Amino acid sequence: MGNSEVGHNALGAGRIFAQGAKLVDHALETGKIFEGAGFKYIQECFSDGTLHLIGLLSDGGVHSRYDQLQALMRGSAAHGAKRIRVHALTDGRDVLDGSSFHFMEQLEKDLEELRKQGVDALLASGGGRMYVTMDRYENDWNVVKRGWDAQVLGEAPNKFKSGLEALKHLKAANPKFNDQYCPPFVIIDDSGKAVGPILDGDAVVTFNFRADRMIMLAKALEYEDFDKFDRVRVPKINYAGMLQYDGELKLPSRYLVNPPEIDRTSGEYLVKNGVRTYACSETVKFGHVTFFWNGNRSGLFDENLECYYEIPSDQGITFNEQPLMKALEIGEKARDAILSGKYDQVRVNLPNGDMVGHTGDIKATIIACEAADKAVKMILDAIDQVGGIYLVTADHGNAEDMVKRNPKTAQPLLDKNGNIQILTSHTCWPVPIAIGGPGLSPGVRFRADLPDGGLANVAATMMNLLGFEAPADYEPSLIEVVES
């Protein structure tokens, strides 16, 4: 619960694996991160080049954590980095909107401490995560281009002397300013020159541990035949990710921490046993029902037995502007796949409650959830027609609680003006699960001896519903057959 990537890993793999944040924590705590081949590769540039750190400035723990960035900066300085430039992406999605000021202030203090130690350490650029750099599933390459222009070329429409000055000015200029959509900016010196463009001979680390919103930038940094936008200038750099973001694509080819090895997923198991599978979502969640579900693996296991269908998401908007998203289209595709008789399993993700919930717009989120309800109804009606079984659950919460609360009283928290503070991040409440349909045996019941079942129990449950026994090392099924 609480994280889309980890949630879909657990749903598909049927087991709990050490994940990005935990792996990075261990590598930093033990110092092994500074002993590995990935770090030694970027260390080659420390004598004459600059170390650039690109990622999300946040302690949300979904894509990155600020304490890990602190440890990476300090450790890099201790291992010879003479020049460090940070390219900070503001959050406001996994943490409270407006918290960018706090994180930016802390970053400026930490960079000042490094300067006192003789390291030329500065903030170089910034921008909001949903508008700069952190697009995913190739939904909108313009997002990555804005980041490239600021981070690599040192060019942006907004230029400031510090990160705090940038945030204060941009917020004052736009009453609707929020952290997620902060415009790109670069930091300049007294002569008006950008302090941190990425140049030949530099090292670059993308310090997010979560994969999906770093893959597109990794392609731009690493692929020689890249053609998604005009990069203008492609510096010769040593680049490493915090982890390898795509094991199938081997991207990036260098990384600081070895990723978890997730094998024998339910998707692979079922396909190898002849189960015909259809997976569908719109772009923003398509990778979750494919890549993450299959253990961070790209592509099909068997093109003769599988069909993955991606519906393009709306581009260039915040999702509260189009809260219906593609729910009905997903519902229609799932319905048609079910009624076709071509597939034994149909897997979909309806993103509305999550993606619109992240905007903090409660009215739009209600519309979004109503659209998802209509899509679910469409799918359940099709299941009724073919005598099938449904399993409905979620990988985490979001839309069910959209206000920040006092942890002791559960009462909504108010800001200094007396307004309720809106929660835009995921919640950690348990998610529901519903199993039914005309094909379900009357003797099937939820097991009473698993009161605390979790997402990893879903894979074995699904296998049982399809008539298979799950592998012995999977988390146990949530269901049992009770004789009448």
Protein backbone atom coordinates (compact mmCIF):
# COMPACT_ATOMS: atom_id res chain seq x y z
CA MET A 1 0.00 0.00 0.00
CA GLY A 2 1.06 3.56 -0.60
CA ASN A 3 3.09 3.21 -3.81
CA SER A 4 1.97 2.31 -7.33
CA GLU A 5 5.22 0.70 -8.43
CA VAL A 6 5.70 -1.48 -5.35
CA GLY A 7 1.98 -2.24 -5.28
CA HIS A 8 1.91 -3.63 -8.80
CA ASN A 9 5.16 -5.53 -8.19
CA ALA A 10 3.49 -7.23 -5.22
CA LEU A 11 0.22 -7.85 -7.08
CA GLY A 12 2.01 -9.52 -9.96
CA ALA A 13 4.86 -11.29 -8.17
CA GLY A 14 2.97 -12.78 -5.23
CA ARG A 15 5.89 -12.10 -2.90
CA ILE A 16 7.45 -9.19 -1.04
CA PHE A 17 10.80 -8.02 -2.37
CA ALA A 18 13.22 -5.47 -1.00
CA GLN A 19 12.46 -2.42 -3.10
CA GLY A 20 14.16 0.73 -4.27
CA ALA A 21 14.17 2.81 -1.11
CA LYS A 22 15.23 -0.07 1.13
CA LEU A 23 17.98 -1.14 -1.25
CA VAL A 24 19.34 2.40 -1.47
CA ASP A 25 19.15 2.84 2.31
CA HIS A 26 21.21 -0.31 2.83
CA ALA A 27 23.78 0.69 0.22
CA LEU A 28 24.20 4.13 1.78
CA GLU A 29 24.26 2.90 5.38
CA THR A 30 26.93 0.31 4.64
CA GLY A 31 28.89 2.52 2.26
CA LYS A 32 28.67 -0.13 -0.45
CA ILE A 33 27.18 2.39 -2.85
CA PHE A 34 30.57 4.13 -2.97
CA GLU A 35 32.42 0.86 -3.61
CA GLY A 36 30.42 -0.35 -6.60
CA ALA A 37 31.21 -0.16 -10.29
CA GLY A 38 28.52 2.45 -10.90
CA PHE A 39 29.94 4.96 -8.46
CA LYS A 40 33.50 4.33 -9.64
CA TYR A 41 32.30 5.09 -13.16
CA ILE A 42 31.00 8.54 -12.23
CA GLN A 43 33.99 9.08 -9.94
CA GLU A 44 36.18 9.13 -13.05
CA CYS A 45 34.86 12.65 -13.71
CA PHE A 46 35.45 14.09 -10.23
CA SER A 47 38.91 15.50 -10.87
CA ASP A 48 38.11 17.72 -13.84
CA GLY A 49 34.32 17.63 -14.19
CA THR A 50 31.12 18.35 -12.31
CA LEU A 51 28.81 15.86 -10.60
CA HIS A 52 25.19 16.63 -11.52
CA LEU A 53 22.41 15.19 -9.35
CA ILE A 54 18.93 15.19 -10.93
CA GLY A 55 15.79 14.12 -9.10
CA LEU A 56 12.77 14.82 -6.95
CA LEU A 57 13.31 17.13 -3.97
CA SER A 58 11.04 15.39 -1.47
CA ASP A 59 10.83 13.11 1.54
CA GLY A 60 7.68 11.42 0.24
CA GLY A 61 9.51 8.13 -0.20
CA VAL A 62 7.64 7.27 -3.40
CA HIS A 63 10.21 8.36 -5.99
CA SER A 64 13.03 9.68 -3.81
CA ARG A 65 13.92 10.71 -0.28
CA TYR A 66 15.78 13.83 0.70
CA ASP A 67 17.95 12.11 3.31
CA GLN A 68 19.28 9.84 0.55
CA LEU A 69 20.22 12.88 -1.54
CA GLN A 70 21.99 14.34 1.49
CA ALA A 71 23.96 11.14 2.01
CA LEU A 72 24.83 10.93 -1.69
CA MET A 73 26.09 14.53 -1.76
CA ARG A 74 28.17 14.12 1.40
CA GLY A 75 29.53 10.75 0.35
CA SER A 76 30.42 12.01 -3.12
CA ALA A 77 32.26 14.97 -1.61
CA ALA A 78 34.12 12.63 0.74
CA HIS A 79 35.12 10.50 -2.26
CA GLY A 80 36.57 13.35 -4.26
CA ALA A 81 33.78 15.32 -5.92
CA LYS A 82 35.01 18.91 -6.24
CA ARG A 83 32.01 20.42 -8.05
CA ILE A 84 28.41 19.39 -7.42
CA ARG A 85 25.31 20.76 -9.13
CA VAL A 86 21.79 19.79 -8.07
CA HIS A 87 18.87 19.91 -10.50
CA ALA A 88 15.87 19.84 -8.16
CA LEU A 89 12.34 18.87 -9.15
CA THR A 90 9.65 20.08 -6.77
CA ASP A 91 7.03 17.61 -5.56
CA GLY A 92 3.66 18.67 -4.09
CA ARG A 93 2.19 15.30 -5.01
CA ASP A 94 3.64 12.76 -2.59
CA VAL A 95 4.06 15.52 -0.02
CA LEU A 96 2.02 18.60 0.84
CA ASP A 97 1.79 21.25 -1.86
CA GLY A 98 3.90 24.23 -0.83
CA SER A 99 6.50 22.09 0.94
CA SER A 100 8.97 22.92 -1.84
CA PHE A 101 9.99 26.03 0.11
CA HIS A 102 11.00 23.89 3.09
CA PHE A 103 12.99 21.42 0.99
CA MET A 104 14.64 24.16 -1.05
CA GLU A 105 15.69 25.97 2.12
CA GLN A 106 17.19 22.76 3.50
CA LEU A 107 18.98 22.06 0.22
CA GLU A 108 20.50 25.54 0.21
CA LYS A 109 21.78 24.96 3.77
CA ASP A 110 23.29 21.60 2.85
CA LEU A 111 25.00 23.05 -0.22
CA GLU A 112 26.39 25.86 1.95
CA GLU A 113 27.85 23.26 4.33
CA LEU A 114 29.57 21.56 1.40
CA ARG A 115 30.98 24.88 0.24
CA LYS A 116 32.46 25.41 3.70
CA GLN A 117 34.29 22.11 3.16
CA GLY A 118 35.78 23.39 -0.08
CA VAL A 119 33.31 21.82 -2.50
CA ASP A 120 31.87 24.05 -5.24
CA ALA A 121 28.27 22.99 -4.58
CA LEU A 122 25.27 24.86 -6.01
CA LEU A 123 21.69 24.45 -7.12
CA ALA A 124 21.68 24.61 -10.93
CA SER A 125 18.06 24.32 -12.04
CA GLY A 126 14.57 23.42 -10.97
CA GLY A 127 10.97 22.84 -12.00
CA GLY A 128 7.84 20.95 -11.03
CA ARG A 129 7.76 17.17 -11.41
CA MET A 130 4.66 17.09 -13.63
CA TYR A 131 5.90 19.85 -15.94
CA VAL A 132 9.65 19.27 -16.02
CA THR A 133 11.55 15.99 -16.64
CA MET A 134 9.38 13.43 -14.82
CA ASP A 135 6.98 12.27 -17.52
CA ARG A 136 6.41 8.54 -17.92
CA TYR A 137 5.39 5.98 -20.54
CA GLU A 138 6.26 8.50 -23.29
CA ASN A 139 3.08 10.42 -22.61
CA ASP A 140 4.54 13.89 -23.28
CA TRP A 141 8.15 14.31 -24.39
CA ASN A 142 7.83 18.09 -24.01
CA VAL A 143 8.05 17.53 -20.25
CA VAL A 144 11.45 15.89 -20.66
CA LYS A 145 12.58 18.53 -23.15
CA ARG A 146 11.90 21.31 -20.64
CA GLY A 147 14.14 19.48 -18.22
CA TRP A 148 16.82 18.87 -20.83
CA ASP A 149 16.88 22.53 -21.78
CA ALA A 150 17.31 23.65 -18.17
CA GLN A 151 19.59 20.89 -16.91
CA VAL A 152 21.81 20.20 -19.92
CA LEU A 153 21.69 23.43 -21.92
CA GLY A 154 21.27 25.79 -18.97
CA GLU A 155 18.34 27.46 -20.70
CA ALA A 156 14.91 28.27 -19.25
CA PRO A 157 12.46 31.17 -19.47
CA ASN A 158 12.99 31.91 -15.78
CA LYS A 159 16.39 32.83 -14.33
CA PHE A 160 17.16 33.49 -10.67
CA LYS A 161 20.04 33.77 -8.22
CA SER A 162 18.71 31.07 -5.86
CA GLY A 163 16.10 28.37 -5.57
CA LEU A 164 14.15 30.18 -2.86
CA GLU A 165 14.10 33.35 -4.94
CA ALA A 166 12.76 31.30 -7.85
CA LEU A 167 9.93 29.76 -5.84
CA LYS A 168 8.94 33.03 -4.19
CA HIS A 169 8.90 34.93 -7.48
CA LEU A 170 7.03 32.25 -9.43
CA LYS A 171 4.43 31.88 -6.68
CA ALA A 172 3.91 35.65 -6.47
CA ALA A 173 3.52 35.84 -10.25
CA ASN A 174 0.86 33.13 -10.39
CA PRO A 175 -1.83 32.77 -7.68
CA LYS A 176 -2.51 29.22 -8.92
CA PHE A 177 1.15 28.18 -8.60
CA ASN A 178 1.68 24.70 -7.19
CA ASP A 179 4.77 22.60 -6.68
CA GLN A 180 3.87 19.90 -9.20
CA TYR A 181 3.67 22.32 -12.11
CA CYS A 182 6.40 24.80 -11.20
CA PRO A 183 7.82 26.27 -14.45
CA PRO A 184 11.43 25.42 -15.29
CA PHE A 185 14.12 27.77 -14.04
CA VAL A 186 17.89 28.00 -14.00
CA ILE A 187 20.20 29.57 -11.46
CA ILE A 188 22.54 32.25 -12.80
CA ASP A 189 25.63 33.99 -11.46
CA ASP A 190 26.22 37.73 -11.20
CA SER A 191 27.10 37.92 -14.89
CA GLY A 192 23.81 36.26 -15.88
CA LYS A 193 25.43 32.98 -16.85
CA ALA A 194 23.85 29.64 -15.89
CA VAL A 195 25.86 28.09 -13.04
CA GLY A 196 25.34 24.45 -13.93
CA PRO A 197 24.75 23.27 -17.50
CA ILE A 198 25.88 19.70 -18.12
CA LEU A 199 29.10 19.69 -20.16
CA ASP A 200 31.54 17.25 -21.71
CA GLY A 201 33.47 15.38 -19.04
CA ASP A 202 30.77 15.72 -16.38
CA ALA A 203 29.10 12.96 -14.36
CA VAL A 204 25.32 12.70 -14.02
CA VAL A 205 23.28 10.73 -11.49
CA THR A 206 19.49 10.55 -11.53
CA PHE A 207 18.88 9.95 -7.84
CA ASN A 208 15.23 8.83 -7.91
CA PHE A 209 14.96 5.17 -6.92
CA ARG A 210 11.61 4.65 -8.60
CA ALA A 211 11.86 3.79 -12.28
CA ASP A 212 8.84 4.98 -14.20
CA ARG A 213 9.45 8.74 -14.19
CA MET A 214 13.18 8.49 -14.85
CA ILE A 215 13.20 6.18 -17.88
CA MET A 216 12.47 8.87 -20.46
CA LEU A 217 15.26 11.13 -19.21
CA ALA A 218 17.58 8.12 -19.09
CA LYS A 219 16.88 7.48 -22.77
CA ALA A 220 17.66 11.10 -23.63
CA LEU A 221 20.91 10.95 -21.66
CA GLU A 222 22.07 7.57 -22.95
CA TYR A 223 20.71 6.81 -26.43
CA GLU A 224 22.88 7.97 -29.33
CA ASP A 225 20.04 7.61 -31.87
CA PHE A 226 17.51 9.48 -29.72
CA ASP A 227 14.88 11.25 -31.87
CA LYS A 228 12.06 12.33 -29.54
CA PHE A 229 13.16 15.97 -29.53
CA ASP A 230 16.13 18.03 -30.66
CA ARG A 231 18.68 17.80 -27.88
CA VAL A 232 20.72 20.61 -29.55
CA ARG A 233 23.86 19.56 -27.69
CA VAL A 234 24.67 16.06 -26.40
CA PRO A 235 27.51 16.22 -23.87
CA LYS A 236 29.90 13.30 -23.44
CA ILE A 237 29.17 12.30 -19.87
CA ASN A 238 29.44 9.42 -17.43
CA TYR A 239 25.82 8.72 -16.47
CA ALA A 240 24.42 6.38 -13.83
CA GLY A 241 20.98 5.92 -12.34
CA MET A 242 20.41 5.36 -8.66
CA LEU A 243 19.16 1.95 -9.83
CA GLN A 244 18.70 0.36 -13.22
CA TYR A 245 15.25 1.57 -14.19
CA ASP A 246 14.45 -1.00 -16.89
CA GLY A 247 16.05 -4.43 -16.72
CA GLU A 248 14.79 -5.48 -20.13
CA LEU A 249 16.15 -2.38 -21.87
CA LYS A 250 19.25 -2.41 -19.63
CA LEU A 251 18.58 1.26 -18.94
CA PRO A 252 20.59 2.95 -17.72
CA SER A 253 23.56 0.74 -18.45
CA ARG A 254 25.32 2.00 -15.29
CA TYR A 255 23.71 2.31 -11.87
CA LEU A 256 24.75 2.82 -8.26
CA VAL A 257 22.57 0.19 -6.55
CA ASN A 258 21.59 -3.21 -7.90
CA PRO A 259 17.81 -3.43 -8.43
CA PRO A 260 15.67 -6.21 -6.92
CA GLU A 261 15.57 -9.38 -8.96
CA ILE A 262 11.90 -10.26 -9.34
CA ASP A 263 11.47 -13.60 -11.06
CA ARG A 264 8.66 -16.11 -11.67
CA THR A 265 5.85 -13.57 -11.68
CA SER A 266 2.25 -14.67 -11.98
CA GLY A 267 2.10 -13.20 -15.48
CA GLU A 268 4.96 -15.39 -16.66
CA TYR A 269 3.63 -18.46 -14.82
CA LEU A 270 0.16 -18.20 -16.33
CA VAL A 271 1.34 -17.54 -19.87
CA LYS A 272 3.70 -20.52 -19.70
CA ASN A 273 0.67 -22.57 -18.68
CA GLY A 274 -1.29 -21.43 -21.71
CA VAL A 275 -3.44 -18.72 -20.11
CA ARG A 276 -4.43 -16.15 -22.73
CA THR A 277 -4.00 -12.69 -21.24
CA TYR A 278 -5.17 -9.18 -22.15
CA ALA A 279 -3.83 -6.13 -20.29
CA CYS A 280 -5.07 -2.59 -20.84
CA SER A 281 -4.87 0.90 -19.41
CA GLU A 282 -4.20 4.42 -20.57
CA THR A 283 -0.65 5.69 -20.86
CA VAL A 284 -0.25 6.98 -17.30
CA LYS A 285 -0.88 3.51 -15.83
CA PHE A 286 -0.17 1.23 -18.77
CA GLY A 287 3.26 0.35 -17.42
CA HIS A 288 1.74 -0.67 -14.12
CA VAL A 289 -0.36 -3.50 -15.59
CA THR A 290 2.54 -4.60 -17.79
CA PHE A 291 6.09 -3.58 -16.74
CA PHE A 292 5.62 -3.42 -12.96
CA TRP A 293 3.15 -6.33 -12.89
CA ASN A 294 5.72 -8.47 -14.66
CA GLY A 295 8.53 -7.73 -12.21
CA ASN A 296 9.98 -4.63 -13.91
CA ARG A 297 10.18 -6.45 -17.22
CA SER A 298 9.31 -4.90 -20.57
CA GLY A 299 7.57 -6.71 -23.40
CA LEU A 300 5.45 -9.81 -23.84
CA PHE A 301 6.25 -13.27 -22.55
CA ASP A 302 4.47 -14.85 -25.52
CA GLU A 303 3.05 -12.76 -28.35
CA ASN A 304 0.74 -15.60 -29.32
CA LEU A 305 -0.94 -15.64 -25.91
CA GLU A 306 -0.78 -12.01 -24.80
CA CYS A 307 -2.13 -8.67 -25.96
CA TYR A 308 -1.18 -5.40 -24.24
CA TYR A 309 -3.30 -2.42 -25.31
CA GLU A 310 -2.36 1.17 -24.46
CA ILE A 311 -4.87 4.02 -24.77
CA PRO A 312 -3.07 7.40 -25.12
CA SER A 313 -3.63 9.67 -22.12
CA ASP A 314 -4.52 13.33 -22.51
CA GLN A 315 -1.42 15.50 -22.84
CA GLY A 316 -0.56 19.00 -21.73
CA ILE A 317 -3.23 19.25 -19.02
CA THR A 318 -3.71 18.68 -15.32
CA PHE A 319 -6.07 15.76 -14.95
CA ASN A 320 -8.68 17.69 -12.99
CA GLU A 321 -9.36 19.48 -16.29
CA GLN A 322 -10.36 16.14 -17.86
CA PRO A 323 -11.39 13.99 -14.87
CA LEU A 324 -13.12 11.39 -17.04
CA MET A 325 -9.67 10.55 -18.40
CA LYS A 326 -9.94 7.37 -20.52
CA ALA A 327 -12.02 5.33 -18.08
CA LEU A 328 -14.84 4.60 -20.50
CA GLU A 329 -12.42 3.70 -23.29
CA ILE A 330 -10.63 1.28 -20.95
CA GLY A 331 -13.97 -0.17 -19.92
CA GLU A 332 -14.99 -0.63 -23.54
CA LYS A 333 -11.72 -2.34 -24.46
CA ALA A 334 -11.97 -4.65 -21.46
CA ARG A 335 -15.61 -5.42 -22.24
CA ASP A 336 -14.79 -6.24 -25.86
CA ALA A 337 -11.85 -8.44 -24.82
CA ILE A 338 -14.07 -10.35 -22.38
CA LEU A 339 -16.90 -10.83 -24.86
CA SER A 340 -14.51 -11.87 -27.64
CA GLY A 341 -13.79 -15.18 -25.92
CA LYS A 342 -10.13 -14.85 -26.92
CA TYR A 343 -8.77 -14.38 -23.41
CA ASP A 344 -8.80 -16.28 -20.12
CA GLN A 345 -7.65 -13.29 -18.07
CA VAL A 346 -8.27 -9.57 -18.61
CA ARG A 347 -6.25 -7.13 -16.48
CA VAL A 348 -6.94 -3.38 -16.38
CA ASN A 349 -6.05 -0.31 -14.35
CA LEU A 350 -8.50 2.61 -14.08
CA PRO A 351 -6.31 5.59 -13.05
CA ASN A 352 -8.95 8.24 -12.37
CA GLY A 353 -9.10 8.20 -8.58
CA ASP A 354 -5.33 8.33 -8.32
CA MET A 355 -4.38 10.77 -11.06
CA VAL A 356 -7.17 13.26 -10.39
CA GLY A 357 -6.85 12.75 -6.64
CA HIS A 358 -3.25 13.96 -6.91
CA THR A 359 -4.49 17.36 -8.10
CA GLY A 360 -6.29 17.99 -4.80
CA ASP A 361 -9.45 19.00 -6.66
CA ILE A 362 -12.21 17.24 -4.72
CA LYS A 363 -15.06 18.08 -7.12
CA ALA A 364 -13.08 16.82 -10.09
CA THR A 365 -12.10 13.69 -8.15
CA ILE A 366 -15.77 12.89 -7.52
CA ILE A 367 -16.39 13.08 -11.27
CA ALA A 368 -13.31 10.92 -11.83
CA CYS A 369 -14.52 8.22 -9.46
CA GLU A 370 -17.98 8.24 -11.04
CA ALA A 371 -16.34 7.64 -14.42
CA ALA A 372 -14.35 4.74 -12.99
CA ASP A 373 -17.58 3.33 -11.51
CA LYS A 374 -19.20 3.39 -14.96
CA ALA A 375 -16.23 1.57 -16.44
CA VAL A 376 -16.32 -1.08 -13.71
CA LYS A 377 -20.06 -1.57 -14.32
CA MET A 378 -19.38 -2.05 -18.02
CA ILE A 379 -16.74 -4.69 -17.24
CA LEU A 380 -18.88 -6.51 -14.65
CA ASP A 381 -21.81 -6.66 -17.07
CA ALA A 382 -19.55 -8.35 -19.62
CA ILE A 383 -18.36 -10.83 -16.99
CA ASP A 384 -21.99 -11.66 -16.23
CA GLN A 385 -22.64 -12.33 -19.90
CA VAL A 386 -19.80 -14.84 -20.25
CA GLY A 387 -20.19 -16.46 -16.82
CA GLY A 388 -16.83 -15.22 -15.59
CA ILE A 389 -15.23 -14.13 -12.32
CA TYR A 390 -14.08 -10.69 -11.25
CA LEU A 391 -11.44 -9.56 -8.76
CA VAL A 392 -11.46 -5.84 -7.99
CA THR A 393 -8.86 -4.18 -5.77
CA ALA A 394 -6.40 -1.26 -5.68
CA ASP A 395 -2.67 -0.89 -5.25
CA HIS A 396 -3.01 2.00 -2.78
CA GLY A 397 -5.41 4.66 -1.56
CA ASN A 398 -5.79 8.27 -2.62
CA ALA A 399 -9.26 9.62 -3.42
CA GLU A 400 -10.93 8.16 -0.31
CA ASP A 401 -9.32 10.81 1.90
CA MET A 402 -8.19 14.12 0.42
CA VAL A 403 -7.57 16.24 3.51
CA LYS A 404 -4.58 16.30 5.81
CA ARG A 405 -5.55 15.11 9.30
CA ASN A 406 -4.38 15.30 12.87
CA PRO A 407 -2.91 11.82 13.47
CA LYS A 408 -4.44 11.62 16.96
CA THR A 409 -7.93 13.05 16.43
CA ALA A 410 -8.34 12.47 12.67
CA GLN A 411 -9.73 15.99 12.43
CA PRO A 412 -8.79 17.98 9.29
CA LEU A 413 -5.78 20.26 9.68
CA LEU A 414 -6.15 23.94 8.87
CA ASP A 415 -3.64 26.30 7.31
CA LYS A 416 -2.80 29.73 8.74
CA ASN A 417 -5.84 31.21 7.00
CA GLY A 418 -8.23 28.66 8.50
CA ASN A 419 -8.65 26.65 5.31
CA ILE A 420 -8.60 22.86 5.30
CA GLN A 421 -5.24 21.52 4.10
CA ILE A 422 -5.69 19.40 0.99
CA LEU A 423 -3.92 16.05 0.79
CA THR A 424 -2.56 15.25 -2.69
CA SER A 425 -0.49 12.19 -1.82
CA HIS A 426 -1.38 8.51 -1.59
CA THR A 427 -2.88 7.24 1.63
CA CYS A 428 -1.79 4.18 3.58
CA TRP A 429 -5.25 2.91 4.45
CA PRO A 430 -5.95 -0.75 3.65
CA VAL A 431 -7.54 -1.19 0.24
CA PRO A 432 -10.69 -3.26 -0.35
CA ILE A 433 -10.91 -6.39 -2.46
CA ALA A 434 -14.05 -7.84 -4.03
CA ILE A 435 -14.35 -11.25 -5.70
CA GLY A 436 -17.48 -12.52 -7.40
CA GLY A 437 -19.27 -13.26 -10.64
CA PRO A 438 -21.42 -16.10 -11.96
CA GLY A 439 -18.37 -18.30 -12.54
CA LEU A 440 -17.38 -18.28 -8.87
CA SER A 441 -18.04 -21.53 -7.05
CA PRO A 442 -20.65 -21.13 -4.26
CA GLY A 443 -18.20 -22.73 -1.83
CA VAL A 444 -15.48 -20.08 -2.24
CA ARG A 445 -14.93 -17.92 0.85
CA PHE A 446 -12.31 -15.49 2.11
CA ARG A 447 -10.03 -17.29 4.54
CA ALA A 448 -10.71 -16.42 8.17
CA ASP A 449 -7.11 -17.22 9.13
CA LEU A 450 -5.70 -14.40 6.97
CA PRO A 451 -7.17 -11.28 8.57
CA ASP A 452 -4.21 -9.16 7.46
CA GLY A 453 -3.91 -10.23 3.86
CA GLY A 454 -2.05 -7.85 1.57
CA LEU A 455 -1.38 -7.12 -2.07
CA ALA A 456 1.12 -9.97 -2.37
CA ASN A 457 -1.70 -12.43 -1.56
CA VAL A 458 -3.60 -11.42 -4.70
CA ALA A 459 -1.42 -13.36 -7.17
CA ALA A 460 -2.07 -16.74 -5.55
CA THR A 461 -5.75 -15.83 -5.23
CA MET A 462 -5.97 -15.03 -8.93
CA MET A 463 -4.18 -18.26 -9.82
CA ASN A 464 -6.65 -20.25 -7.72
CA LEU A 465 -9.56 -18.55 -9.46
CA LEU A 466 -8.06 -19.59 -12.80
CA GLY A 467 -7.74 -23.18 -11.60
CA PHE A 468 -4.04 -23.27 -10.73
CA GLU A 469 -2.10 -23.89 -7.56
CA ALA A 470 0.28 -21.04 -6.82
CA PRO A 471 4.01 -21.70 -6.35
CA ALA A 472 4.82 -22.74 -2.81
CA ASP A 473 6.86 -19.62 -2.04
CA TYR A 474 4.07 -17.21 -3.01
CA GLU A 475 2.13 -15.47 -0.28
CA PRO A 476 -0.96 -17.63 0.39
CA SER A 477 -4.26 -17.24 -1.39
CA LEU A 478 -6.97 -15.16 0.25
CA ILE A 479 -9.66 -17.72 -0.58
CA GLU A 480 -10.60 -21.27 0.27
CA VAL A 481 -13.33 -23.65 -0.81
CA VAL A 482 -15.82 -24.51 1.92
CA GLU A 483 -18.01 -27.52 1.26
CA SER A 484 -21.71 -26.89 1.80
